[in-house]
Amino acid sequence: DADALRTLSLCDLSPLAKLGLAGPNASAWLQQQGAPLPERVFDVHQLEDNGAIVRLGNGEFFLESGLDGSMLPKLDVNLGQGQLGVTRGERQEATFLLTGSRAWEVLKQTCGINFEEVPAQRVVMTRIAGMNCNVYPDRADDFLRYRLWVDPTFAIALWESLEQITRQLGGQLAGAAAVFER
């Protein structure tokens, strides 16, 4: 419900499409496609379908679609059989979303980083519940969210830890549609 989303909820976004792009021409090609390019390594920008694009290196990007999934298929079609200097890579990360004003309390119990001090629109590489994880604090509008990307082999263990703590703190599980209809 809306109160849980504002207070504390956990959502599994793992089915969202993901794409990796790398190469000396990856930045130029993404700009030609109208994708907003993050300037610095680990900066994040929102895609037109509410997905995310993360700069992982000088010519390396991680993209995740939004709920309607319109941006990545468009990029796939335009990439076709490939572009000179652009390499397509499959990405399989599991994606979890912690939302609400108490989401940082879950992270406080599972991670040594104080996420209240982490700048928005930057990915932080850290360990959550003992597992390597990339965390994207998204403070869009008044709706606090932390998007967590983890290797799929650790997804079940991380989910179980996050779910247990979320429930202990009075939070709820949420569906992706509820999270993104705001």
Protein backbone atom coordinates (compact mmCIF):
# COMPACT_ATOMS: atom_id res chain seq x y z
CA ASP A 1 0.00 0.00 0.00
CA ALA A 2 0.99 3.64 -0.36
CA ASP A 3 1.95 4.00 3.32
CA ALA A 4 4.35 1.04 3.09
CA LEU A 5 5.96 2.55 -0.01
CA ARG A 6 6.54 5.82 1.84
CA THR A 7 7.72 4.05 5.01
CA LEU A 8 9.42 0.74 4.08
CA SER A 9 8.92 -1.81 1.35
CA LEU A 10 10.99 -4.31 -0.60
CA CYS A 11 10.42 -5.15 -4.25
CA ASP A 12 12.03 -7.64 -6.65
CA LEU A 13 12.80 -6.02 -10.02
CA SER A 14 15.01 -8.83 -11.30
CA PRO A 15 12.88 -9.50 -14.41
CA LEU A 16 13.67 -6.05 -15.83
CA ALA A 17 15.75 -6.22 -19.01
CA LYS A 18 19.44 -5.39 -18.64
CA LEU A 19 22.13 -4.59 -21.17
CA GLY A 20 25.86 -3.92 -21.08
CA LEU A 21 27.57 -1.76 -23.70
CA ALA A 22 31.29 -1.18 -23.97
CA GLY A 23 33.87 0.03 -26.43
CA PRO A 24 35.55 3.16 -27.71
CA ASN A 25 32.39 4.26 -29.57
CA ALA A 26 29.82 3.27 -26.91
CA SER A 27 29.39 6.83 -25.59
CA ALA A 28 28.92 8.35 -29.04
CA TRP A 29 26.50 5.60 -30.10
CA LEU A 30 24.39 6.00 -26.94
CA GLN A 31 24.25 9.78 -27.52
CA GLN A 32 23.07 9.15 -31.10
CA GLN A 33 20.27 7.02 -29.63
CA GLY A 34 19.17 9.85 -27.34
CA ALA A 35 20.30 8.17 -24.13
CA PRO A 36 21.34 10.55 -21.35
CA LEU A 37 25.02 9.92 -20.65
CA PRO A 38 26.30 10.01 -17.09
CA GLU A 39 29.44 12.14 -17.01
CA ARG A 40 31.55 10.42 -14.35
CA VAL A 41 32.19 6.77 -13.52
CA PHE A 42 29.39 5.46 -11.26
CA ASP A 43 27.05 8.34 -12.12
CA VAL A 44 23.50 7.32 -13.00
CA HIS A 45 20.83 8.90 -15.20
CA GLN A 46 17.23 7.91 -15.60
CA LEU A 47 16.15 6.55 -18.98
CA GLU A 48 12.94 7.67 -20.70
CA ASP A 49 11.16 4.49 -19.55
CA ASN A 50 12.19 5.09 -15.88
CA GLY A 51 15.08 2.68 -16.23
CA ALA A 52 18.67 3.55 -15.40
CA ILE A 53 21.97 3.97 -17.20
CA VAL A 54 25.17 3.69 -15.17
CA ARG A 55 28.63 4.66 -16.41
CA LEU A 56 30.96 1.87 -15.29
CA GLY A 57 34.05 3.11 -17.07
CA ASN A 58 35.25 5.46 -19.77
CA GLY A 59 33.47 3.49 -22.49
CA GLU A 60 31.41 1.05 -20.44
CA PHE A 61 27.73 1.26 -19.49
CA PHE A 62 25.12 -0.80 -17.65
CA LEU A 63 21.50 -0.21 -18.60
CA GLU A 64 18.35 -1.50 -16.94
CA SER A 65 14.90 -0.95 -18.39
CA GLY A 66 12.01 0.58 -16.55
CA LEU A 67 8.73 -1.20 -15.93
CA ASP A 68 7.32 -0.54 -19.40
CA GLY A 69 10.57 -1.80 -20.90
CA SER A 70 10.56 0.40 -23.99
CA MET A 71 14.14 1.74 -24.07
CA LEU A 72 16.29 -1.41 -24.17
CA PRO A 73 14.41 -3.13 -27.02
CA LYS A 74 14.77 0.08 -29.03
CA LEU A 75 18.51 0.10 -28.37
CA ASP A 76 18.78 -3.60 -29.27
CA VAL A 77 17.07 -3.03 -32.62
CA ASN A 78 19.24 -0.03 -33.40
CA LEU A 79 22.39 -1.92 -32.40
CA GLY A 80 21.37 -4.72 -34.77
CA GLN A 81 24.31 -6.92 -35.70
CA GLY A 82 26.64 -4.48 -34.01
CA GLN A 83 28.28 -1.13 -34.48
CA LEU A 84 31.96 -0.49 -35.00
CA GLY A 85 33.56 0.09 -31.61
CA VAL A 86 30.48 -0.95 -29.59
CA THR A 87 30.26 -4.36 -27.91
CA ARG A 88 26.99 -5.67 -26.49
CA GLY A 89 27.14 -7.68 -23.27
CA GLU A 90 24.52 -9.69 -21.43
CA ARG A 91 23.85 -8.61 -17.84
CA GLN A 92 22.14 -10.96 -15.41
CA GLU A 93 22.13 -9.08 -12.10
CA ALA A 94 19.22 -9.54 -9.74
CA THR A 95 17.63 -6.20 -8.84
CA PHE A 96 15.95 -5.39 -5.53
CA LEU A 97 14.39 -2.10 -4.54
CA LEU A 98 14.12 -0.81 -0.99
CA THR A 99 11.74 2.14 -0.70
CA GLY A 100 10.59 4.57 1.92
CA SER A 101 11.84 6.77 4.71
CA ARG A 102 13.08 3.77 6.74
CA ALA A 103 14.86 1.97 3.87
CA TRP A 104 18.22 3.26 5.10
CA GLU A 105 17.59 1.35 8.37
CA VAL A 106 17.70 -1.94 6.45
CA LEU A 107 20.96 -0.89 4.84
CA LYS A 108 22.33 0.26 8.20
CA GLN A 109 21.87 -3.29 9.53
CA THR A 110 23.48 -4.95 6.52
CA CYS A 111 26.21 -2.58 5.33
CA GLY A 112 28.99 -0.40 6.73
CA ILE A 113 28.21 2.62 4.54
CA ASN A 114 26.05 5.44 5.85
CA PHE A 115 23.68 5.88 2.92
CA GLU A 116 22.25 9.06 4.40
CA GLU A 117 25.54 10.68 3.37
CA VAL A 118 25.86 9.14 -0.11
CA PRO A 119 25.12 11.57 -2.94
CA ALA A 120 22.10 10.81 -5.10
CA GLN A 121 22.53 9.58 -8.66
CA ARG A 122 25.76 7.70 -7.87
CA VAL A 123 26.27 3.95 -7.59
CA VAL A 124 28.15 2.67 -4.57
CA MET A 125 29.99 -0.65 -4.75
CA THR A 126 29.79 -2.29 -1.32
CA ARG A 127 28.82 -5.44 0.56
CA ILE A 128 25.25 -5.94 1.76
CA ALA A 129 24.65 -8.83 4.16
CA GLY A 130 28.12 -10.12 3.24
CA MET A 131 27.52 -10.11 -0.53
CA ASN A 132 29.04 -7.81 -3.16
CA CYS A 133 26.38 -5.41 -4.28
CA ASN A 134 25.99 -2.18 -6.25
CA VAL A 135 23.60 0.27 -4.61
CA TYR A 136 21.94 3.18 -6.38
CA PRO A 137 20.32 5.70 -4.01
CA ASP A 138 17.54 7.31 -6.05
CA ARG A 139 15.96 10.28 -4.39
CA ALA A 140 13.65 11.22 -7.23
CA ASP A 141 10.77 13.43 -6.08
CA ASP A 142 9.84 12.74 -2.46
CA PHE A 143 10.07 8.98 -2.89
CA LEU A 144 13.26 7.49 -1.44
CA ARG A 145 14.48 4.34 -3.18
CA TYR A 146 17.62 2.22 -3.10
CA ARG A 147 18.14 -0.02 -6.11
CA LEU A 148 20.44 -2.96 -5.34
CA TRP A 149 22.15 -5.00 -8.05
CA VAL A 150 23.66 -8.34 -7.04
CA ASP A 151 25.10 -11.37 -8.82
CA PRO A 152 22.22 -13.81 -9.42
CA THR A 153 24.01 -16.61 -7.56
CA PHE A 154 23.60 -14.56 -4.35
CA ALA A 155 20.10 -13.26 -5.08
CA ILE A 156 18.11 -15.68 -2.94
CA ALA A 157 20.34 -15.27 0.10
CA LEU A 158 20.30 -11.48 -0.18
CA TRP A 159 16.53 -11.39 -0.72
CA GLU A 160 15.93 -13.54 2.35
CA SER A 161 18.11 -11.28 4.51
CA LEU A 162 16.48 -8.10 3.24
CA GLU A 163 12.98 -9.53 3.56
CA GLN A 164 13.57 -10.63 7.16
CA ILE A 165 14.88 -7.22 8.22
CA THR A 166 12.19 -5.36 6.27
CA ARG A 167 9.46 -7.35 8.02
CA GLN A 168 11.13 -6.93 11.44
CA LEU A 169 11.03 -3.17 10.89
CA GLY A 170 7.33 -3.31 10.00
CA GLY A 171 7.82 -3.03 6.24
CA GLN A 172 6.05 -4.94 3.49
CA LEU A 173 6.80 -6.59 0.17
CA ALA A 174 5.61 -4.58 -2.83
CA GLY A 175 4.98 -5.33 -6.48
CA ALA A 176 6.79 -3.40 -9.19
CA ALA A 177 3.56 -1.88 -10.51
CA ALA A 178 2.79 -0.36 -7.12
CA VAL A 179 6.28 1.11 -6.83
CA PHE A 180 6.31 2.67 -10.30
CA GLU A 181 2.73 3.94 -10.48
CA ARG A 182 3.66 6.82 -8.18
